[in-house]
Amino acid sequence: MYRTVDQAVTAMLAKYEVLTKAIQRAQQYAHKAKTEESFDFWISVERELQKLKPKKQFKFKTKEE
């Protein structure tokens, strides 16, 4: 199917367009994996997709008085 993690990431982003759906699909593939090798592959794809997610920045309210 895919030879490298990068190929899988780009293909999944092109196919699903929304990052969260691509991550969910990678998790499903990992869950259905029959060999440990394919499980590791899909987990690494999921991690690469997670890295593309924007980081949440927490906003702290300060009292200005």
C-alpha atoms as a PDB file:
ATOM      1  CA  MET A   1       0.000   0.000   0.000  1.00  0.00           C
ATOM      2  CA  TYR A   2       2.301   2.773   1.237  1.00  0.00           C
ATOM      3  CA  ARG A   3       6.067   2.441   1.346  1.00  0.00           C
ATOM      4  CA  THR A   4       6.873   5.262   3.752  1.00  0.00           C
ATOM      5  CA  VAL A   5       5.118   7.143   6.507  1.00  0.00           C
ATOM      6  CA  ASP A   6       5.420  10.397   4.537  1.00  0.00           C
ATOM      7  CA  GLN A   7       3.585   8.889   1.579  1.00  0.00           C
ATOM      8  CA  ALA A   8       0.796   7.669   3.833  1.00  0.00           C
ATOM      9  CA  VAL A   9       0.483  11.046   5.563  1.00  0.00           C
ATOM     10  CA  THR A  10       0.252  12.999   2.312  1.00  0.00           C
ATOM     11  CA  ALA A  11      -2.208  10.512   0.800  1.00  0.00           C
ATOM     12  CA  MET A  12      -4.455  10.579   3.856  1.00  0.00           C
ATOM     13  CA  LEU A  13      -4.433  14.376   3.990  1.00  0.00           C
ATOM     14  CA  ALA A  14      -5.351  14.506   0.301  1.00  0.00           C
ATOM     15  CA  LYS A  15      -8.104  11.932   0.704  1.00  0.00           C
ATOM     16  CA  TYR A  16      -9.741  13.103   3.926  1.00  0.00           C
ATOM     17  CA  GLU A  17      -8.898  16.847   3.714  1.00  0.00           C
ATOM     18  CA  VAL A  18      -9.780  17.370   7.397  1.00  0.00           C
ATOM     19  CA  LEU A  19      -6.889  16.570   9.734  1.00  0.00           C
ATOM     20  CA  THR A  20      -9.038  15.090  12.503  1.00  0.00           C
ATOM     21  CA  LYS A  21     -10.701  12.640  10.101  1.00  0.00           C
ATOM     22  CA  ALA A  22      -7.307  11.534   8.786  1.00  0.00           C
ATOM     23  CA  ILE A  23      -6.114  10.942  12.370  1.00  0.00           C
ATOM     24  CA  GLN A  24      -9.232   8.927  13.179  1.00  0.00           C
ATOM     25  CA  ARG A  25      -8.773   6.807  10.069  1.00  0.00           C
ATOM     26  CA  ALA A  26      -5.138   6.105  10.944  1.00  0.00           C
ATOM     27  CA  GLN A  27      -6.283   5.009  14.408  1.00  0.00           C
ATOM     28  CA  GLN A  28      -8.828   2.666  12.820  1.00  0.00           C
ATOM     29  CA  TYR A  29      -6.176   1.159  10.551  1.00  0.00           C
ATOM     30  CA  ALA A  30      -3.888   0.640  13.559  1.00  0.00           C
ATOM     31  CA  HIS A  31      -6.691  -1.007  15.506  1.00  0.00           C
ATOM     32  CA  LYS A  32      -7.483  -3.391  12.638  1.00  0.00           C
ATOM     33  CA  ALA A  33      -3.830  -4.223  11.926  1.00  0.00           C
ATOM     34  CA  LYS A  34      -3.118  -7.928  11.791  1.00  0.00           C
ATOM     35  CA  THR A  35       0.640  -7.766  12.196  1.00  0.00           C
ATOM     36  CA  GLU A  36       2.775  -5.847  14.647  1.00  0.00           C
ATOM     37  CA  GLU A  37       4.666  -4.291  11.746  1.00  0.00           C
ATOM     38  CA  SER A  38       1.535  -2.753  10.215  1.00  0.00           C
ATOM     39  CA  PHE A  39       0.348  -1.657  13.669  1.00  0.00           C
ATOM     40  CA  ASP A  40       3.637   0.187  14.229  1.00  0.00           C
ATOM     41  CA  PHE A  41       3.388   1.745  10.770  1.00  0.00           C
ATOM     42  CA  TRP A  42      -0.109   3.151  11.349  1.00  0.00           C
ATOM     43  CA  ILE A  43       0.788   4.368  14.836  1.00  0.00           C
ATOM     44  CA  SER A  44       3.717   6.292  13.357  1.00  0.00           C
ATOM     45  CA  VAL A  45       1.406   7.721  10.661  1.00  0.00           C
ATOM     46  CA  GLU A  46      -0.987   8.830  13.393  1.00  0.00           C
ATOM     47  CA  ARG A  47       1.850  10.479  15.342  1.00  0.00           C
ATOM     48  CA  GLU A  48       2.991  12.391  12.255  1.00  0.00           C
ATOM     49  CA  LEU A  49      -0.571  13.585  11.689  1.00  0.00           C
ATOM     50  CA  GLN A  50      -0.806  14.626  15.347  1.00  0.00           C
ATOM     51  CA  LYS A  51       2.322  16.758  14.892  1.00  0.00           C
ATOM     52  CA  LEU A  52       0.515  18.724  12.179  1.00  0.00           C
ATOM     53  CA  LYS A  53      -2.256  19.710  14.573  1.00  0.00           C
ATOM     54  CA  PRO A  54      -2.041  23.319  15.742  1.00  0.00           C
ATOM     55  CA  LYS A  55      -0.916  23.710  19.324  1.00  0.00           C
ATOM     56  CA  LYS A  56      -3.452  25.057  21.779  1.00  0.00           C
ATOM     57  CA  GLN A  57      -2.322  28.192  23.492  1.00  0.00           C
ATOM     58  CA  PHE A  58      -3.824  28.851  26.839  1.00  0.00           C
ATOM     59  CA  LYS A  59      -4.841  32.381  27.589  1.00  0.00           C
ATOM     60  CA  PHE A  60      -4.528  33.526  31.166  1.00  0.00           C
ATOM     61  CA  LYS A  61      -6.688  36.324  32.378  1.00  0.00           C
ATOM     62  CA  THR A  62      -4.907  38.898  34.412  1.00  0.00           C
ATOM     63  CA  LYS A  63      -6.421  41.507  36.630  1.00  0.00           C
ATOM     64  CA  GLU A  64      -5.355  44.939  35.596  1.00  0.00           C
ATOM     65  CA  GLU A  65      -6.066  47.340  38.438  1.00  0.00           C
END
